[in-house]
PDB file of N, CA and C in Angstrom:
ATOM      1  N   MET A   1       0.848  -1.175   0.000  1.00  0.00           N
ATOM      2  CA  MET A   1       0.000   0.000   0.000  1.00  0.00           C
ATOM      3  C   MET A   1       0.889   1.232   0.000  1.00  0.00           C
ATOM      4  N   GLU A   2       0.643   2.121  -0.922  1.00  0.00           N
ATOM      5  CA  GLU A   2       1.360   3.391  -0.934  1.00  0.00           C
ATOM      6  C   GLU A   2       0.552   4.396  -0.139  1.00  0.00           C
ATOM      7  N   ILE A   3       1.247   5.214   0.624  1.00  0.00           N
ATOM      8  CA  ILE A   3       0.564   6.243   1.395  1.00  0.00           C
ATOM      9  C   ILE A   3       1.360   7.537   1.299  1.00  0.00           C
ATOM     10  N   ALA A   4       0.656   8.618   1.118  1.00  0.00           N
ATOM     11  CA  ALA A   4       1.281   9.934   0.989  1.00  0.00           C
ATOM     12  C   ALA A   4       0.232  10.982   1.315  1.00  0.00           C
ATOM     13  N   GLY A   5       0.680  12.167   1.665  1.00  0.00           N
ATOM     14  CA  GLY A   5      -0.240  13.245   1.957  1.00  0.00           C
ATOM     15  C   GLY A   5      -0.216  14.347   0.915  1.00  0.00           C
ATOM     16  N   ASP A   6       0.818  14.358   0.066  1.00  0.00           N
ATOM     17  CA  ASP A   6       0.956  15.412  -0.931  1.00  0.00           C
ATOM     18  C   ASP A   6       1.952  14.967  -1.988  1.00  0.00           C
ATOM     19  N   ALA A   7       1.933  15.638  -3.124  1.00  0.00           N
ATOM     20  CA  ALA A   7       2.891  15.386  -4.204  1.00  0.00           C
ATOM     21  C   ALA A   7       3.375  16.744  -4.694  1.00  0.00           C
ATOM     22  N   LEU A   8       4.636  17.069  -4.415  1.00  0.00           N
ATOM     23  CA  LEU A   8       5.181  18.387  -4.738  1.00  0.00           C
ATOM     24  C   LEU A   8       6.523  18.264  -5.440  1.00  0.00           C
ATOM     25  N   THR A   9       6.802  19.213  -6.319  1.00  0.00           N
ATOM     26  CA  THR A   9       8.120  19.300  -6.944  1.00  0.00           C
ATOM     27  C   THR A   9       9.089  19.937  -5.948  1.00  0.00           C
ATOM     28  N   GLY A  10      10.374  19.872  -6.257  1.00  0.00           N
ATOM     29  CA  GLY A  10      11.372  20.520  -5.409  1.00  0.00           C
ATOM     30  C   GLY A  10      11.119  22.013  -5.274  1.00  0.00           C
ATOM     31  N   LYS A  11      10.743  22.648  -6.377  1.00  0.00           N
ATOM     32  CA  LYS A  11      10.463  24.084  -6.347  1.00  0.00           C
ATOM     33  C   LYS A  11       9.257  24.383  -5.452  1.00  0.00           C
ATOM     34  N   ALA A  12       8.224  23.553  -5.550  1.00  0.00           N
ATOM     35  CA  ALA A  12       7.032  23.753  -4.718  1.00  0.00           C
ATOM     36  C   ALA A  12       7.362  23.543  -3.238  1.00  0.00           C
ATOM     37  N   LEU A  13       8.225  22.555  -2.932  1.00  0.00           N
ATOM     38  CA  LEU A  13       8.656  22.351  -1.551  1.00  0.00           C
ATOM     39  C   LEU A  13       9.368  23.600  -1.026  1.00  0.00           C
ATOM     40  N   ALA A  14      10.266  24.151  -1.826  1.00  0.00           N
ATOM     41  CA  ALA A  14      11.002  25.351  -1.415  1.00  0.00           C
ATOM     42  C   ALA A  14      10.056  26.523  -1.192  1.00  0.00           C
ATOM     43  N   GLU A  15       9.046  26.676  -2.043  1.00  0.00           N
ATOM     44  CA  GLU A  15       8.077  27.771  -1.888  1.00  0.00           C
ATOM     45  C   GLU A  15       7.309  27.631  -0.577  1.00  0.00           C
ATOM     46  N   ARG A  16       6.875  26.427  -0.261  1.00  0.00           N
ATOM     47  CA  ARG A  16       6.122  26.212   0.973  1.00  0.00           C
ATOM     48  C   ARG A  16       7.011  26.371   2.208  1.00  0.00           C
ATOM     49  N   LEU A  17       8.246  25.903   2.123  1.00  0.00           N
ATOM     50  CA  LEU A  17       9.172  26.097   3.232  1.00  0.00           C
ATOM     51  C   LEU A  17       9.472  27.574   3.438  1.00  0.00           C
ATOM     52  N   THR A  18       9.602  28.329   2.347  1.00  0.00           N
ATOM     53  CA  THR A  18       9.842  29.770   2.425  1.00  0.00           C
ATOM     54  C   THR A  18       8.701  30.462   3.167  1.00  0.00           C
ATOM     55  N   ARG A  19       7.464  30.131   2.797  1.00  0.00           N
ATOM     56  CA  ARG A  19       6.304  30.731   3.469  1.00  0.00           C
ATOM     57  C   ARG A  19       6.288  30.375   4.955  1.00  0.00           C
ATOM     58  N   ALA A  20       6.528  29.109   5.268  1.00  0.00           N
ATOM     59  CA  ALA A  20       6.472  28.667   6.658  1.00  0.00           C
ATOM     60  C   ALA A  20       7.619  29.259   7.482  1.00  0.00           C
ATOM     61  N   ALA A  21       8.789  29.395   6.892  1.00  0.00           N
ATOM     62  CA  ALA A  21       9.962  29.894   7.612  1.00  0.00           C
ATOM     63  C   ALA A  21       9.981  31.413   7.709  1.00  0.00           C
ATOM     64  N   GLY A  22       9.279  32.071   6.789  1.00  0.00           N
ATOM     65  CA  GLY A  22       9.299  33.527   6.777  1.00  0.00           C
ATOM     66  C   GLY A  22      10.599  34.094   6.244  1.00  0.00           C
ATOM     67  N   ARG A  23      11.352  33.269   5.540  1.00  0.00           N
ATOM     68  CA  ARG A  23      12.596  33.712   4.906  1.00  0.00           C
ATOM     69  C   ARG A  23      12.858  32.797   3.715  1.00  0.00           C
ATOM     70  N   PRO A  24      13.665  33.245   2.768  1.00  0.00           N
ATOM     71  CA  PRO A  24      13.877  32.443   1.556  1.00  0.00           C
ATOM     72  C   PRO A  24      14.543  31.094   1.827  1.00  0.00           C
ATOM     73  N   ILE A  25      13.986  30.056   1.247  1.00  0.00           N
ATOM     74  CA  ILE A  25      14.570  28.715   1.236  1.00  0.00           C
ATOM     75  C   ILE A  25      14.760  28.379  -0.240  1.00  0.00           C
ATOM     76  N   SER A  26      15.982  28.096  -0.629  1.00  0.00           N
ATOM     77  CA  SER A  26      16.254  27.868  -2.052  1.00  0.00           C
ATOM     78  C   SER A  26      16.263  26.379  -2.390  1.00  0.00           C
ATOM     79  N   TYR A  27      16.104  26.103  -3.637  1.00  0.00           N
ATOM     80  CA  TYR A  27      16.140  24.743  -4.169  1.00  0.00           C
ATOM     81  C   TYR A  27      17.073  24.752  -5.372  1.00  0.00           C
ATOM     82  N   SER A  28      18.073  23.905  -5.366  1.00  0.00           N
ATOM     83  CA  SER A  28      18.945  23.800  -6.527  1.00  0.00           C
ATOM     84  C   SER A  28      19.214  22.329  -6.789  1.00  0.00           C
ATOM     85  N   ARG A  29      19.075  21.976  -8.012  1.00  0.00           N
ATOM     86  CA  ARG A  29      19.216  20.577  -8.427  1.00  0.00           C
ATOM     87  C   ARG A  29      20.687  20.193  -8.497  1.00  0.00           C
ATOM     88  N   LEU A  30      20.970  18.927  -8.201  1.00  0.00           N
ATOM     89  CA  LEU A  30      22.332  18.434  -8.379  1.00  0.00           C
ATOM     90  C   LEU A  30      22.713  18.551  -9.853  1.00  0.00           C
ATOM     91  N   PRO A  31      23.984  18.760 -10.155  1.00  0.00           N
ATOM     92  CA  PRO A  31      24.413  18.879 -11.553  1.00  0.00           C
ATOM     93  C   PRO A  31      24.084  17.612 -12.355  1.00  0.00           C
ATOM     94  N   THR A  32      23.677  17.800 -13.595  1.00  0.00           N
ATOM     95  CA  THR A  32      23.328  16.688 -14.483  1.00  0.00           C
ATOM     96  C   THR A  32      24.481  15.703 -14.615  1.00  0.00           C
ATOM     97  N   THR A  33      25.706  16.202 -14.633  1.00  0.00           N
ATOM     98  CA  THR A  33      26.857  15.299 -14.758  1.00  0.00           C
ATOM     99  C   THR A  33      26.925  14.337 -13.574  1.00  0.00           C
ATOM    100  N   LEU A  34      26.624  14.819 -12.386  1.00  0.00           N
ATOM    101  CA  LEU A  34      26.613  13.958 -11.211  1.00  0.00           C
ATOM    102  C   LEU A  34      25.451  12.970 -11.274  1.00  0.00           C
ATOM    103  N   LEU A  35      24.289  13.447 -11.681  1.00  0.00           N
ATOM    104  CA  LEU A  35      23.117  12.578 -11.765  1.00  0.00           C
ATOM    105  C   LEU A  35      23.304  11.467 -12.791  1.00  0.00           C
ATOM    106  N   SER A  36      24.030  11.751 -13.851  1.00  0.00           N
ATOM    107  CA  SER A  36      24.242  10.738 -14.884  1.00  0.00           C
ATOM    108  C   SER A  36      25.235   9.658 -14.441  1.00  0.00           C
ATOM    109  N   GLN A  37      25.972   9.913 -13.371  1.00  0.00           N
ATOM    110  CA  GLN A  37      26.966   8.951 -12.881  1.00  0.00           C
ATOM    111  C   GLN A  37      26.364   7.894 -11.962  1.00  0.00           C
ATOM    112  N   ASP A  38      25.163   8.115 -11.484  1.00  0.00           N
ATOM    113  CA  ASP A  38      24.538   7.174 -10.549  1.00  0.00           C
ATOM    114  C   ASP A  38      23.059   7.040 -10.897  1.00  0.00           C
ATOM    115  N   ASP A  39      22.663   5.849 -11.328  1.00  0.00           N
ATOM    116  CA  ASP A  39      21.276   5.620 -11.754  1.00  0.00           C
ATOM    117  C   ASP A  39      20.268   5.895 -10.638  1.00  0.00           C
ATOM    118  N   VAL A  40      20.574   5.465  -9.426  1.00  0.00           N
ATOM    119  CA  VAL A  40      19.636   5.646  -8.314  1.00  0.00           C
ATOM    120  C   VAL A  40      19.440   7.125  -8.006  1.00  0.00           C
ATOM    121  N   VAL A  41      20.543   7.866  -7.912  1.00  0.00           N
ATOM    122  CA  VAL A  41      20.456   9.299  -7.621  1.00  0.00           C
ATOM    123  C   VAL A  41      19.734  10.013  -8.769  1.00  0.00           C
ATOM    124  N   GLY A  42      20.015   9.627  -9.999  1.00  0.00           N
ATOM    125  CA  GLY A  42      19.330  10.210 -11.151  1.00  0.00           C
ATOM    126  C   GLY A  42      17.834   9.968 -11.110  1.00  0.00           C
ATOM    127  N   LYS A  43      17.437   8.753 -10.736  1.00  0.00           N
ATOM    128  CA  LYS A  43      16.005   8.432 -10.652  1.00  0.00           C
ATOM    129  C   LYS A  43      15.330   9.192  -9.522  1.00  0.00           C
ATOM    130  N   LEU A  44      16.020   9.340  -8.394  1.00  0.00           N
ATOM    131  CA  LEU A  44      15.462  10.112  -7.284  1.00  0.00           C
ATOM    132  C   LEU A  44      15.275  11.579  -7.681  1.00  0.00           C
ATOM    133  N   ALA A  45      16.243  12.130  -8.395  1.00  0.00           N
ATOM    134  CA  ALA A  45      16.125  13.518  -8.856  1.00  0.00           C
ATOM    135  C   ALA A  45      14.936  13.666  -9.798  1.00  0.00           C
ATOM    136  N   ALA A  46      14.703  12.681 -10.653  1.00  0.00           N
ATOM    137  CA  ALA A  46      13.555  12.722 -11.569  1.00  0.00           C
ATOM    138  C   ALA A  46      12.250  12.741 -10.788  1.00  0.00           C
ATOM    139  N   LEU A  47      12.185  12.003  -9.680  1.00  0.00           N
ATOM    140  CA  LEU A  47      10.979  12.004  -8.854  1.00  0.00           C
ATOM    141  C   LEU A  47      10.726  13.381  -8.255  1.00  0.00           C
ATOM    142  N   VAL A  48      11.788  14.046  -7.815  1.00  0.00           N
ATOM    143  CA  VAL A  48      11.654  15.398  -7.269  1.00  0.00           C
ATOM    144  C   VAL A  48      11.253  16.363  -8.385  1.00  0.00           C
ATOM    145  N   ASP A  49      11.875  16.226  -9.547  1.00  0.00           N
ATOM    146  CA  ASP A  49      11.574  17.111 -10.676  1.00  0.00           C
ATOM    147  C   ASP A  49      10.093  17.046 -11.053  1.00  0.00           C
ATOM    148  N   ASP A  50       9.536  15.839 -11.001  1.00  0.00           N
ATOM    149  CA  ASP A  50       8.157  15.625 -11.435  1.00  0.00           C
ATOM    150  C   ASP A  50       7.143  15.745 -10.306  1.00  0.00           C
ATOM    151  N   GLY A  51       7.598  15.903  -9.089  1.00  0.00           N
ATOM    152  CA  GLY A  51       6.679  15.962  -7.957  1.00  0.00           C
ATOM    153  C   GLY A  51       6.128  14.597  -7.604  1.00  0.00           C
ATOM    154  N   ARG A  52       6.861  13.546  -7.940  1.00  0.00           N
ATOM    155  CA  ARG A  52       6.342  12.195  -7.721  1.00  0.00           C
ATOM    156  C   ARG A  52       7.000  11.497  -6.540  1.00  0.00           C
ATOM    157  N   LEU A  53       7.473  12.262  -5.562  1.00  0.00           N
ATOM    158  CA  LEU A  53       8.027  11.620  -4.373  1.00  0.00           C
ATOM    159  C   LEU A  53       6.974  10.765  -3.682  1.00  0.00           C
ATOM    160  N   ALA A  54       5.711  11.034  -3.971  1.00  0.00           N
ATOM    161  CA  ALA A  54       4.618  10.239  -3.411  1.00  0.00           C
ATOM    162  C   ALA A  54       4.475   8.923  -4.156  1.00  0.00           C
ATOM    163  N   GLY A  55       5.333   8.669  -5.136  1.00  0.00           N
ATOM    164  CA  GLY A  55       5.238   7.433  -5.908  1.00  0.00           C
ATOM    165  C   GLY A  55       4.003   7.454  -6.780  1.00  0.00           C
ATOM    166  N   ASN A  56       3.320   6.353  -6.833  1.00  0.00           N
ATOM    167  CA  ASN A  56       2.100   6.259  -7.637  1.00  0.00           C
ATOM    168  C   ASN A  56       0.858   6.282  -6.774  1.00  0.00           C
ATOM    169  N   ALA A  57       0.984   6.803  -5.573  1.00  0.00           N
ATOM    170  CA  ALA A  57      -0.143   6.834  -4.642  1.00  0.00           C
ATOM    171  C   ALA A  57      -1.300   7.638  -5.237  1.00  0.00           C
ATOM    172  N   ASP A  58      -2.507   7.117  -5.084  1.00  0.00           N
ATOM    173  CA  ASP A  58      -3.727   7.818  -5.499  1.00  0.00           C
ATOM    174  C   ASP A  58      -4.127   8.718  -4.340  1.00  0.00           C
ATOM    175  N   LEU A  59      -3.685   9.972  -4.379  1.00  0.00           N
ATOM    176  CA  LEU A  59      -3.880  10.882  -3.253  1.00  0.00           C
ATOM    177  C   LEU A  59      -5.349  11.120  -2.941  1.00  0.00           C
ATOM    178  N   ASP A  60      -6.186  11.247  -3.964  1.00  0.00           N
ATOM    179  CA  ASP A  60      -7.613  11.477  -3.710  1.00  0.00           C
ATOM    180  C   ASP A  60      -8.239  10.294  -2.978  1.00  0.00           C
ATOM    181  N   ALA A  61      -7.923   9.078  -3.421  1.00  0.00           N
ATOM    182  CA  ALA A  61      -8.463   7.883  -2.767  1.00  0.00           C
ATOM    183  C   ALA A  61      -7.918   7.751  -1.347  1.00  0.00           C
ATOM    184  N   LEU A  62      -6.631   8.048  -1.166  1.00  0.00           N
ATOM    185  CA  LEU A  62      -6.048   7.970   0.169  1.00  0.00           C
ATOM    186  C   LEU A  62      -6.677   8.981   1.113  1.00  0.00           C
ATOM    187  N   ARG A  63      -6.919  10.194   0.634  1.00  0.00           N
ATOM    188  CA  ARG A  63      -7.538  11.223   1.481  1.00  0.00           C
ATOM    189  C   ARG A  63      -8.965  10.834   1.855  1.00  0.00           C
ATOM    190  N   ALA A  64      -9.666  10.163   0.929  1.00  0.00           N
ATOM    191  CA  ALA A  64     -11.029   9.706   1.234  1.00  0.00           C
ATOM    192  C   ALA A  64     -11.004   8.614   2.313  1.00  0.00           C
ATOM    193  N   GLU A  65     -10.044   7.707   2.221  1.00  0.00           N
ATOM    194  CA  GLU A  65      -9.955   6.607   3.181  1.00  0.00           C
ATOM    195  C   GLU A  65      -9.302   7.028   4.495  1.00  0.00           C
ATOM    196  N   PHE A  66      -8.335   7.957   4.406  1.00  0.00           N
ATOM    197  CA  PHE A  66      -7.592   8.413   5.581  1.00  0.00           C
ATOM    198  C   PHE A  66      -7.652   9.941   5.654  1.00  0.00           C
ATOM    199  N   PRO A  67      -8.772  10.492   6.092  1.00  0.00           N
ATOM    200  CA  PRO A  67      -8.941  11.953   6.073  1.00  0.00           C
ATOM    201  C   PRO A  67      -7.955  12.713   6.950  1.00  0.00           C
ATOM    202  N   PHE A  68      -7.228  12.016   7.820  1.00  0.00           N
ATOM    203  CA  PHE A  68      -6.258  12.664   8.704  1.00  0.00           C
ATOM    204  C   PHE A  68      -4.935  12.957   8.003  1.00  0.00           C
ATOM    205  N   LEU A  69      -4.734  12.449   6.767  1.00  0.00           N
ATOM    206  CA  LEU A  69      -3.487  12.721   6.048  1.00  0.00           C
ATOM    207  C   LEU A  69      -3.359  14.226   5.813  1.00  0.00           C
ATOM    208  N   LEU A  70      -2.177  14.747   6.028  1.00  0.00           N
ATOM    209  CA  LEU A  70      -1.958  16.184   5.899  1.00  0.00           C
ATOM    210  C   LEU A  70      -1.224  16.519   4.610  1.00  0.00           C
ATOM    211  N   ARG A  71      -1.654  17.599   3.976  1.00  0.00           N
ATOM    212  CA  ARG A  71      -0.872  18.180   2.893  1.00  0.00           C
ATOM    213  C   ARG A  71       0.342  18.838   3.558  1.00  0.00           C
ATOM    214  N   PHE A  72       1.379  19.064   2.756  1.00  0.00           N
ATOM    215  CA  PHE A  72       2.640  19.583   3.294  1.00  0.00           C
ATOM    216  C   PHE A  72       2.439  20.909   4.031  1.00  0.00           C
ATOM    217  N   ASP A  73       1.638  21.827   3.476  1.00  0.00           N
ATOM    218  CA  ASP A  73       1.381  23.118   4.125  1.00  0.00           C
ATOM    219  C   ASP A  73       0.818  22.927   5.535  1.00  0.00           C
ATOM    220  N   ARG A  74      -0.154  22.035   5.660  1.00  0.00           N
ATOM    221  CA  ARG A  74      -0.786  21.800   6.967  1.00  0.00           C
ATOM    222  C   ARG A  74       0.179  21.108   7.921  1.00  0.00           C
ATOM    223  N   TRP A  75       1.025  20.218   7.376  1.00  0.00           N
ATOM    224  CA  TRP A  75       2.031  19.572   8.216  1.00  0.00           C
ATOM    225  C   TRP A  75       3.016  20.608   8.744  1.00  0.00           C
ATOM    226  N   LEU A  76       3.449  21.533   7.856  1.00  0.00           N
ATOM    227  CA  LEU A  76       4.382  22.586   8.276  1.00  0.00           C
ATOM    228  C   LEU A  76       3.766  23.494   9.330  1.00  0.00           C
ATOM    229  N   ALA A  77       2.463  23.744   9.232  1.00  0.00           N
ATOM    230  CA  ALA A  77       1.779  24.605  10.200  1.00  0.00           C
ATOM    231  C   ALA A  77       1.484  23.867  11.500  1.00  0.00           C
ATOM    232  N   GLY A  78       1.511  22.540  11.475  1.00  0.00           N
ATOM    233  CA  GLY A  78       1.192  21.741  12.657  1.00  0.00           C
ATOM    234  C   GLY A  78       2.388  20.951  13.145  1.00  0.00           C
ATOM    235  N   PRO A  79       2.370  19.621  12.923  1.00  0.00           N
ATOM    236  CA  PRO A  79       3.422  18.764  13.469  1.00  0.00           C
ATOM    237  C   PRO A  79       4.832  19.107  13.001  1.00  0.00           C
ATOM    238  N   GLY A  80       4.980  19.660  11.824  1.00  0.00           N
ATOM    239  CA  GLY A  80       6.310  19.967  11.301  1.00  0.00           C
ATOM    240  C   GLY A  80       6.855  21.309  11.719  1.00  0.00           C
ATOM    241  N   ALA A  81       6.033  22.154  12.328  1.00  0.00           N
ATOM    242  CA  ALA A  81       6.461  23.514  12.671  1.00  0.00           C
ATOM    243  C   ALA A  81       7.679  23.513  13.592  1.00  0.00           C
ATOM    244  N   GLY A  82       7.652  22.706  14.608  1.00  0.00           N
ATOM    245  CA  GLY A  82       8.775  22.648  15.539  1.00  0.00           C
ATOM    246  C   GLY A  82      10.038  22.117  14.891  1.00  0.00           C
ATOM    247  N   LEU A  83       9.884  21.149  14.004  1.00  0.00           N
ATOM    248  CA  LEU A  83      11.046  20.596  13.305  1.00  0.00           C
ATOM    249  C   LEU A  83      11.692  21.637  12.397  1.00  0.00           C
ATOM    250  N   LEU A  84      10.862  22.395  11.674  1.00  0.00           N
ATOM    251  CA  LEU A  84      11.401  23.447  10.807  1.00  0.00           C
ATOM    252  C   LEU A  84      12.069  24.523  11.653  1.00  0.00           C
ATOM    253  N   ASP A  85      11.417  24.916  12.735  1.00  0.00           N
ATOM    254  CA  ASP A  85      11.995  25.927  13.616  1.00  0.00           C
ATOM    255  C   ASP A  85      13.346  25.475  14.152  1.00  0.00           C
ATOM    256  N   GLU A  86      13.421  24.219  14.567  1.00  0.00           N
ATOM    257  CA  GLU A  86      14.685  23.687  15.087  1.00  0.00           C
ATOM    258  C   GLU A  86      15.770  23.669  14.018  1.00  0.00           C
ATOM    259  N   ALA A  87      15.401  23.305  12.792  1.00  0.00           N
ATOM    260  CA  ALA A  87      16.374  23.254  11.698  1.00  0.00           C
ATOM    261  C   ALA A  87      16.891  24.646  11.347  1.00  0.00           C
ATOM    262  N   LEU A  88      16.077  25.665  11.564  1.00  0.00           N
ATOM    263  CA  LEU A  88      16.468  27.028  11.211  1.00  0.00           C
ATOM    264  C   LEU A  88      17.096  27.797  12.366  1.00  0.00           C
ATOM    265  N   ARG A  89      17.030  27.263  13.558  1.00  0.00           N
ATOM    266  CA  ARG A  89      17.527  27.955  14.745  1.00  0.00           C
ATOM    267  C   ARG A  89      19.055  28.011  14.747  1.00  0.00           C
ATOM    268  N   PRO A  90      19.610  29.212  14.987  1.00  0.00           N
ATOM    269  CA  PRO A  90      21.075  29.313  15.088  1.00  0.00           C
ATOM    270  C   PRO A  90      21.589  28.519  16.290  1.00  0.00           C
ATOM    271  N   THR A  91      22.783  27.992  16.161  1.00  0.00           N
ATOM    272  CA  THR A  91      23.416  27.279  17.274  1.00  0.00           C
ATOM    273  C   THR A  91      24.211  28.276  18.093  1.00  0.00           C
ATOM    274  N   ASP A  92      24.862  27.808  19.125  1.00  0.00           N
ATOM    275  CA  ASP A  92      25.691  28.684  19.971  1.00  0.00           C
ATOM    276  C   ASP A  92      26.800  29.350  19.174  1.00  0.00           C
ATOM    277  N   ALA A  93      27.269  28.700  18.129  1.00  0.00           N
ATOM    278  CA  ALA A  93      28.353  29.247  17.316  1.00  0.00           C
ATOM    279  C   ALA A  93      27.839  30.322  16.355  1.00  0.00           C
ATOM    280  N   GLY A  94      26.508  30.594  16.383  1.00  0.00           N
ATOM    281  CA  GLY A  94      25.957  31.625  15.522  1.00  0.00           C
ATOM    282  C   GLY A  94      25.634  31.127  14.119  1.00  0.00           C
ATOM    283  N   THR A  95      25.748  29.839  13.884  1.00  0.00           N
ATOM    284  CA  THR A  95      25.405  29.280  12.574  1.00  0.00           C
ATOM    285  C   THR A  95      24.112  28.494  12.698  1.00  0.00           C
ATOM    286  N   ARG A  96      23.587  28.075  11.596  1.00  0.00           N
ATOM    287  CA  ARG A  96      22.380  27.247  11.617  1.00  0.00           C
ATOM    288  C   ARG A  96      22.697  25.925  12.287  1.00  0.00           C
ATOM    289  N   SER A  97      21.682  25.193  12.612  1.00  0.00           N
ATOM    290  CA  SER A  97      21.842  23.960  13.378  1.00  0.00           C
ATOM    291  C   SER A  97      22.650  22.900  12.652  1.00  0.00           C
ATOM    292  N   GLY A  98      23.007  23.142  11.425  1.00  0.00           N
ATOM    293  CA  GLY A  98      23.774  22.162  10.673  1.00  0.00           C
ATOM    294  C   GLY A  98      22.903  21.346   9.750  1.00  0.00           C
ATOM    295  N   ARG A  99      21.600  21.413   9.953  1.00  0.00           N
ATOM    296  CA  ARG A  99      20.689  20.707   9.065  1.00  0.00           C
ATOM    297  C   ARG A  99      20.456  21.547   7.835  1.00  0.00           C
ATOM    298  N   SER A 100      20.428  20.908   6.728  1.00  0.00           N
ATOM    299  CA  SER A 100      20.203  21.624   5.482  1.00  0.00           C
ATOM    300  C   SER A 100      18.713  21.756   5.215  1.00  0.00           C
ATOM    301  N   VAL A 101      18.271  22.955   4.894  1.00  0.00           N
ATOM    302  CA  VAL A 101      16.886  23.176   4.531  1.00  0.00           C
ATOM    303  C   VAL A 101      16.852  23.650   3.088  1.00  0.00           C
ATOM    304  N   ARG A 102      17.895  23.316   2.342  1.00  0.00           N
ATOM    305  CA  ARG A 102      17.941  23.650   0.924  1.00  0.00           C
ATOM    306  C   ARG A 102      17.238  22.552   0.158  1.00  0.00           C
ATOM    307  N   CYS A 103      16.653  22.908  -0.940  1.00  0.00           N
ATOM    308  CA  CYS A 103      16.020  21.959  -1.833  1.00  0.00           C
ATOM    309  C   CYS A 103      16.780  22.041  -3.159  1.00  0.00           C
ATOM    310  N   SER A 104      16.456  21.251  -4.137  1.00  0.00           N
ATOM    311  CA  SER A 104      17.137  21.312  -5.430  1.00  0.00           C
ATOM    312  C   SER A 104      16.255  21.930  -6.497  1.00  0.00           C
ATOM    313  N   HIS A 105      16.591  21.949  -7.750  1.00  0.00           N
ATOM    314  CA  HIS A 105      15.984  22.733  -8.819  1.00  0.00           C
ATOM    315  C   HIS A 105      14.845  22.029  -9.557  1.00  0.00           C
ATOM    316  N   ASP A 106      13.854  22.774  -9.891  1.00  0.00           N
ATOM    317  CA  ASP A 106      12.769  22.281 -10.734  1.00  0.00           C
ATOM    318  C   ASP A 106      13.116  22.702 -12.142  1.00  0.00           C
ATOM    319  N   PRO A 107      13.206  21.785 -13.099  1.00  0.00           N
ATOM    320  CA  PRO A 107      13.733  22.102 -14.424  1.00  0.00           C
ATOM    321  C   PRO A 107      12.881  23.063 -15.235  1.00  0.00           C
ATOM    322  N   VAL A 108      11.676  23.356 -14.805  1.00  0.00           N
ATOM    323  CA  VAL A 108      10.812  24.236 -15.591  1.00  0.00           C
ATOM    324  C   VAL A 108      11.024  25.672 -15.218  1.00  0.00           C
TER     325      VAL A 108
END
């Protein structure tokens, strides 16, 4: 059974993270030369490019059966808010927590 709450491209993820964070979050795709060197990484990048990280899940059917599934925006406003805040919080050294909140590029 496939389960997902949303299907977004890398660019759409960055836009939603930007809104939730209140500051710009960028998305840049790995270089094509690197993606062509590894089939798995190349296929994963294609999923992000197409917004198919949800796989082949039928989102409408899943939402009907599991109405508690959250779209990414609602997750960011609810359960994910603290995680995003923690990832963006400066550490004692004055830098970000070390977690990357960068996304990669949407080819369009």
